[in-house]
């Protein structure tokens, strides 16, 4: 699973590509860790673990439009 990370104010936001799933943290590492926890909870029933590979975007990017 791939993810993108960007900064919004004091927070970093991590979003899983292809899923409507995102999380945030005070650092890039924390945002990604929180996203991993959200993915784990989402997939708990299947007993599957997905580790996102991160695509780092411009850390000053405020919004992403799809």
PDB file of N, CA and C in Angstrom:
ATOM      1  N   UNK A   1       0.856  -1.170   0.000  1.00  0.00           N
ATOM      2  CA  UNK A   1       0.000   0.000   0.000  1.00  0.00           C
ATOM      3  C   UNK A   1       0.898   1.228   0.000  1.00  0.00           C
ATOM      4  N   UNK A   2       0.583   2.179  -0.826  1.00  0.00           N
ATOM      5  CA  UNK A   2       1.342   3.427  -0.873  1.00  0.00           C
ATOM      6  C   UNK A   2       0.605   4.502  -0.101  1.00  0.00           C
ATOM      7  N   UNK A   3       1.367   5.473   0.377  1.00  0.00           N
ATOM      8  CA  UNK A   3       0.789   6.579   1.122  1.00  0.00           C
ATOM      9  C   UNK A   3       1.491   7.868   0.737  1.00  0.00           C
ATOM     10  N   UNK A   4       0.802   8.975   0.944  1.00  0.00           N
ATOM     11  CA  UNK A   4       1.426  10.282   0.770  1.00  0.00           C
ATOM     12  C   UNK A   4       1.361  10.994   2.116  1.00  0.00           C
ATOM     13  N   UNK A   5       2.332  11.850   2.341  1.00  0.00           N
ATOM     14  CA  UNK A   5       2.391  12.621   3.577  1.00  0.00           C
ATOM     15  C   UNK A   5       2.586  14.085   3.207  1.00  0.00           C
ATOM     16  N   UNK A   6       1.803  14.952   3.845  1.00  0.00           N
ATOM     17  CA  UNK A   6       1.985  16.375   3.654  1.00  0.00           C
ATOM     18  C   UNK A   6       1.738  17.085   4.974  1.00  0.00           C
ATOM     19  N   UNK A   7       2.117  18.355   5.003  1.00  0.00           N
ATOM     20  CA  UNK A   7       2.001  19.132   6.237  1.00  0.00           C
ATOM     21  C   UNK A   7       0.809  20.075   6.139  1.00  0.00           C
ATOM     22  N   UNK A   8       0.032  20.117   7.203  1.00  0.00           N
ATOM     23  CA  UNK A   8      -1.056  21.084   7.341  1.00  0.00           C
ATOM     24  C   UNK A   8      -0.867  21.790   8.677  1.00  0.00           C
ATOM     25  N   UNK A   9      -0.353  22.994   8.626  1.00  0.00           N
ATOM     26  CA  UNK A   9      -0.063  23.728   9.858  1.00  0.00           C
ATOM     27  C   UNK A   9       1.003  23.008  10.666  1.00  0.00           C
ATOM     28  N   UNK A  10       0.687  22.681  11.913  1.00  0.00           N
ATOM     29  CA  UNK A  10       1.647  21.996  12.782  1.00  0.00           C
ATOM     30  C   UNK A  10       1.570  20.479  12.660  1.00  0.00           C
ATOM     31  N   UNK A  11       0.667  19.954  11.852  1.00  0.00           N
ATOM     32  CA  UNK A  11       0.439  18.510  11.751  1.00  0.00           C
ATOM     33  C   UNK A  11       0.887  17.965  10.406  1.00  0.00           C
ATOM     34  N   UNK A  12       1.328  16.710  10.417  1.00  0.00           N
ATOM     35  CA  UNK A  12       1.584  15.972   9.191  1.00  0.00           C
ATOM     36  C   UNK A  12       0.400  15.037   8.971  1.00  0.00           C
ATOM     37  N   UNK A  13      -0.075  14.962   7.748  1.00  0.00           N
ATOM     38  CA  UNK A  13      -1.204  14.109   7.400  1.00  0.00           C
ATOM     39  C   UNK A  13      -0.685  12.998   6.494  1.00  0.00           C
ATOM     40  N   UNK A  14      -1.057  11.767   6.800  1.00  0.00           N
ATOM     41  CA  UNK A  14      -0.697  10.606   5.974  1.00  0.00           C
ATOM     42  C   UNK A  14      -1.984  10.010   5.428  1.00  0.00           C
ATOM     43  N   UNK A  15      -2.038   9.809   4.101  1.00  0.00           N
ATOM     44  CA  UNK A  15      -3.225   9.246   3.465  1.00  0.00           C
ATOM     45  C   UNK A  15      -2.824   8.021   2.666  1.00  0.00           C
ATOM     46  N   UNK A  16      -3.568   6.949   2.858  1.00  0.00           N
ATOM     47  CA  UNK A  16      -3.350   5.723   2.088  1.00  0.00           C
ATOM     48  C   UNK A  16      -3.926   5.926   0.696  1.00  0.00           C
ATOM     49  N   UNK A  17      -3.117   5.714  -0.318  1.00  0.00           N
ATOM     50  CA  UNK A  17      -3.587   5.851  -1.690  1.00  0.00           C
ATOM     51  C   UNK A  17      -4.495   4.682  -2.039  1.00  0.00           C
ATOM     52  N   UNK A  18      -5.615   4.990  -2.660  1.00  0.00           N
ATOM     53  CA  UNK A  18      -6.548   3.952  -3.055  1.00  0.00           C
ATOM     54  C   UNK A  18      -7.561   3.598  -1.978  1.00  0.00           C
ATOM     55  N   UNK A  19      -7.428   4.186  -0.811  1.00  0.00           N
ATOM     56  CA  UNK A  19      -8.365   3.961   0.287  1.00  0.00           C
ATOM     57  C   UNK A  19      -8.799   5.313   0.844  1.00  0.00           C
ATOM     58  N   UNK A  20      -9.982   5.368   1.359  1.00  0.00           N
ATOM     59  CA  UNK A  20     -10.437   6.573   2.049  1.00  0.00           C
ATOM     60  C   UNK A  20     -10.008   6.471   3.502  1.00  0.00           C
ATOM     61  N   UNK A  21      -8.704   6.535   3.721  1.00  0.00           N
ATOM     62  CA  UNK A  21      -8.150   6.362   5.049  1.00  0.00           C
ATOM     63  C   UNK A  21      -6.976   7.312   5.221  1.00  0.00           C
ATOM     64  N   UNK A  22      -7.015   8.087   6.299  1.00  0.00           N
ATOM     65  CA  UNK A  22      -5.940   9.037   6.584  1.00  0.00           C
ATOM     66  C   UNK A  22      -5.756   9.136   8.094  1.00  0.00           C
ATOM     67  N   UNK A  23      -4.598   9.657   8.477  1.00  0.00           N
ATOM     68  CA  UNK A  23      -4.313   9.883   9.882  1.00  0.00           C
ATOM     69  C   UNK A  23      -3.366  11.069   9.973  1.00  0.00           C
ATOM     70  N   UNK A  24      -3.033  11.474  11.173  1.00  0.00           N
ATOM     71  CA  UNK A  24      -2.136  12.608  11.338  1.00  0.00           C
ATOM     72  C   UNK A  24      -1.217  12.387  12.529  1.00  0.00           C
ATOM     73  N   UNK A  25      -0.181  13.212  12.589  1.00  0.00           N
ATOM     74  CA  UNK A  25       0.754  13.161  13.702  1.00  0.00           C
ATOM     75  C   UNK A  25       1.581  14.426  13.722  1.00  0.00           C
ATOM     76  N   UNK A  26       2.320  14.623  14.797  1.00  0.00           N
ATOM     77  CA  UNK A  26       3.161  15.821  14.917  1.00  0.00           C
ATOM     78  C   UNK A  26       4.438  15.721  14.093  1.00  0.00           C
ATOM     79  N   UNK A  27       4.811  14.494  13.704  1.00  0.00           N
ATOM     80  CA  UNK A  27       5.967  14.259  12.833  1.00  0.00           C
ATOM     81  C   UNK A  27       5.523  13.344  11.693  1.00  0.00           C
ATOM     82  N   UNK A  28       6.352  13.265  10.649  1.00  0.00           N
ATOM     83  CA  UNK A  28       6.043  12.347   9.543  1.00  0.00           C
ATOM     84  C   UNK A  28       5.978  10.910  10.053  1.00  0.00           C
ATOM     85  N   UNK A  29       6.926  10.563  10.901  1.00  0.00           N
ATOM     86  CA  UNK A  29       6.989   9.208  11.439  1.00  0.00           C
ATOM     87  C   UNK A  29       5.735   8.880  12.251  1.00  0.00           C
ATOM     88  N   UNK A  30       5.296   9.809  13.083  1.00  0.00           N
ATOM     89  CA  UNK A  30       4.097   9.591  13.895  1.00  0.00           C
ATOM     90  C   UNK A  30       2.845   9.487  13.023  1.00  0.00           C
ATOM     91  N   UNK A  31       2.755  10.325  11.988  1.00  0.00           N
ATOM     92  CA  UNK A  31       1.602  10.269  11.085  1.00  0.00           C
ATOM     93  C   UNK A  31       1.541   8.916  10.386  1.00  0.00           C
ATOM     94  N   UNK A  32       2.688   8.419   9.934  1.00  0.00           N
ATOM     95  CA  UNK A  32       2.735   7.124   9.268  1.00  0.00           C
ATOM     96  C   UNK A  32       2.413   5.995  10.241  1.00  0.00           C
ATOM     97  N   UNK A  33       2.911   6.077  11.467  1.00  0.00           N
ATOM     98  CA  UNK A  33       2.599   5.075  12.488  1.00  0.00           C
ATOM     99  C   UNK A  33       1.096   5.044  12.771  1.00  0.00           C
ATOM    100  N   UNK A  34       0.489   6.214  12.890  1.00  0.00           N
ATOM    101  CA  UNK A  34      -0.946   6.287  13.131  1.00  0.00           C
ATOM    102  C   UNK A  34      -1.752   5.753  11.944  1.00  0.00           C
ATOM    103  N   UNK A  35      -1.262   5.982  10.732  1.00  0.00           N
ATOM    104  CA  UNK A  35      -1.922   5.427   9.552  1.00  0.00           C
ATOM    105  C   UNK A  35      -1.819   3.909   9.556  1.00  0.00           C
ATOM    106  N   UNK A  36      -0.652   3.380   9.936  1.00  0.00           N
ATOM    107  CA  UNK A  36      -0.477   1.927  10.013  1.00  0.00           C
ATOM    108  C   UNK A  36      -1.458   1.323  11.015  1.00  0.00           C
ATOM    109  N   UNK A  37      -1.638   1.974  12.162  1.00  0.00           N
ATOM    110  CA  UNK A  37      -2.592   1.492  13.160  1.00  0.00           C
ATOM    111  C   UNK A  37      -4.013   1.491  12.608  1.00  0.00           C
ATOM    112  N   UNK A  38      -4.373   2.535  11.864  1.00  0.00           N
ATOM    113  CA  UNK A  38      -5.703   2.600  11.263  1.00  0.00           C
ATOM    114  C   UNK A  38      -5.886   1.484  10.229  1.00  0.00           C
ATOM    115  N   UNK A  39      -4.847   1.227   9.426  1.00  0.00           N
ATOM    116  CA  UNK A  39      -4.906   0.131   8.449  1.00  0.00           C
ATOM    117  C   UNK A  39      -5.042  -1.214   9.147  1.00  0.00           C
ATOM    118  N   UNK A  40      -4.288  -1.402  10.224  1.00  0.00           N
ATOM    119  CA  UNK A  40      -4.362  -2.654  10.986  1.00  0.00           C
ATOM    120  C   UNK A  40      -5.776  -2.886  11.512  1.00  0.00           C
ATOM    121  N   UNK A  41      -6.394  -1.838  12.037  1.00  0.00           N
ATOM    122  CA  UNK A  41      -7.760  -1.966  12.540  1.00  0.00           C
ATOM    123  C   UNK A  41      -8.738  -2.278  11.409  1.00  0.00           C
ATOM    124  N   UNK A  42      -8.538  -1.635  10.272  1.00  0.00           N
ATOM    125  CA  UNK A  42      -9.404  -1.862   9.113  1.00  0.00           C
ATOM    126  C   UNK A  42      -9.325  -3.306   8.636  1.00  0.00           C
ATOM    127  N   UNK A  43      -8.141  -3.896   8.692  1.00  0.00           N
ATOM    128  CA  UNK A  43      -7.920  -5.239   8.151  1.00  0.00           C
ATOM    129  C   UNK A  43      -7.873  -6.321   9.232  1.00  0.00           C
ATOM    130  N   UNK A  44      -8.220  -5.961  10.451  1.00  0.00           N
ATOM    131  CA  UNK A  44      -8.120  -6.885  11.577  1.00  0.00           C
ATOM    132  C   UNK A  44      -8.852  -8.206  11.335  1.00  0.00           C
ATOM    133  N   UNK A  45     -10.014  -8.161  10.736  1.00  0.00           N
ATOM    134  CA  UNK A  45     -10.802  -9.372  10.512  1.00  0.00           C
ATOM    135  C   UNK A  45     -10.103 -10.361   9.585  1.00  0.00           C
ATOM    136  N   UNK A  46      -9.365  -9.830   8.594  1.00  0.00           N
ATOM    137  CA  UNK A  46      -8.675 -10.701   7.648  1.00  0.00           C
ATOM    138  C   UNK A  46      -7.351 -11.233   8.181  1.00  0.00           C
ATOM    139  N   UNK A  47      -6.859 -10.664   9.273  1.00  0.00           N
ATOM    140  CA  UNK A  47      -5.575 -11.077   9.825  1.00  0.00           C
ATOM    141  C   UNK A  47      -4.414 -10.685   8.929  1.00  0.00           C
ATOM    142  N   UNK A  48      -4.589  -9.622   8.147  1.00  0.00           N
ATOM    143  CA  UNK A  48      -3.583  -9.173   7.203  1.00  0.00           C
ATOM    144  C   UNK A  48      -2.960  -7.875   7.692  1.00  0.00           C
ATOM    145  N   UNK A  49      -1.664  -7.703   7.461  1.00  0.00           N
ATOM    146  CA  UNK A  49      -0.974  -6.468   7.818  1.00  0.00           C
ATOM    147  C   UNK A  49      -0.397  -5.856   6.546  1.00  0.00           C
ATOM    148  N   UNK A  50      -0.635  -4.565   6.342  1.00  0.00           N
ATOM    149  CA  UNK A  50      -0.101  -3.842   5.198  1.00  0.00           C
ATOM    150  C   UNK A  50       0.832  -2.762   5.710  1.00  0.00           C
ATOM    151  N   UNK A  51       2.043  -2.731   5.198  1.00  0.00           N
ATOM    152  CA  UNK A  51       2.978  -1.667   5.546  1.00  0.00           C
ATOM    153  C   UNK A  51       3.063  -0.704   4.370  1.00  0.00           C
ATOM    154  N   UNK A  52       2.595   0.525   4.545  1.00  0.00           N
ATOM    155  CA  UNK A  52       2.625   1.459   3.412  1.00  0.00           C
ATOM    156  C   UNK A  52       4.049   1.885   3.077  1.00  0.00           C
ATOM    157  N   UNK A  53       4.334   1.967   1.775  1.00  0.00           N
ATOM    158  CA  UNK A  53       5.579   2.596   1.348  1.00  0.00           C
ATOM    159  C   UNK A  53       5.234   4.063   1.145  1.00  0.00           C
ATOM    160  N   UNK A  54       6.075   4.928   1.614  1.00  0.00           N
ATOM    161  CA  UNK A  54       5.735   6.341   1.666  1.00  0.00           C
ATOM    162  C   UNK A  54       6.282   7.083   0.462  1.00  0.00           C
ATOM    163  N   UNK A  55       5.447   7.908  -0.120  1.00  0.00           N
ATOM    164  CA  UNK A  55       5.850   8.834  -1.165  1.00  0.00           C
ATOM    165  C   UNK A  55       5.839  10.208  -0.522  1.00  0.00           C
ATOM    166  N   UNK A  56       7.002  10.765  -0.250  1.00  0.00           N
ATOM    167  CA  UNK A  56       7.065  12.059   0.418  1.00  0.00           C
ATOM    168  C   UNK A  56       6.776  13.173  -0.581  1.00  0.00           C
ATOM    169  N   UNK A  57       5.861  14.026  -0.227  1.00  0.00           N
ATOM    170  CA  UNK A  57       5.515  15.188  -1.042  1.00  0.00           C
ATOM    171  C   UNK A  57       6.100  16.432  -0.391  1.00  0.00           C
ATOM    172  N   UNK A  58       5.970  17.557  -1.057  1.00  0.00           N
ATOM    173  CA  UNK A  58       6.431  18.826  -0.531  1.00  0.00           C
ATOM    174  C   UNK A  58       5.851  19.056   0.860  1.00  0.00           C
ATOM    175  N   UNK A  59       6.687  19.150   1.897  1.00  0.00           N
ATOM    176  CA  UNK A  59       6.176  19.254   3.259  1.00  0.00           C
ATOM    177  C   UNK A  59       5.367  20.515   3.519  1.00  0.00           C
ATOM    178  N   UNK A  60       5.418  21.496   2.630  1.00  0.00           N
ATOM    179  CA  UNK A  60       4.642  22.719   2.803  1.00  0.00           C
ATOM    180  C   UNK A  60       3.298  22.653   2.079  1.00  0.00           C
ATOM    181  N   UNK A  61       3.029  21.564   1.379  1.00  0.00           N
ATOM    182  CA  UNK A  61       1.781  21.409   0.655  1.00  0.00           C
ATOM    183  C   UNK A  61       0.615  21.417   1.629  1.00  0.00           C
ATOM    184  N   UNK A  62      -0.357  22.283   1.424  1.00  0.00           N
ATOM    185  CA  UNK A  62      -1.473  22.405   2.352  1.00  0.00           C
ATOM    186  C   UNK A  62      -2.645  21.529   2.010  1.00  0.00           C
ATOM    187  N   UNK A  63      -2.917  21.321   0.717  1.00  0.00           N
ATOM    188  CA  UNK A  63      -4.070  20.512   0.322  1.00  0.00           C
ATOM    189  C   UNK A  63      -3.715  19.728  -0.928  1.00  0.00           C
ATOM    190  N   UNK A  64      -4.355  18.591  -1.066  1.00  0.00           N
ATOM    191  CA  UNK A  64      -4.213  17.781  -2.270  1.00  0.00           C
ATOM    192  C   UNK A  64      -5.591  17.648  -2.876  1.00  0.00           C
ATOM    193  N   UNK A  65      -5.710  17.928  -4.125  1.00  0.00           N
ATOM    194  CA  UNK A  65      -6.988  17.808  -4.828  1.00  0.00           C
ATOM    195  C   UNK A  65      -6.949  16.598  -5.728  1.00  0.00           C
ATOM    196  N   UNK A  66      -7.960  15.748  -5.605  1.00  0.00           N
ATOM    197  CA  UNK A  66      -8.023  14.536  -6.429  1.00  0.00           C
ATOM    198  C   UNK A  66      -9.063  14.690  -7.506  1.00  0.00           C
TER     199      UNK A  66
END
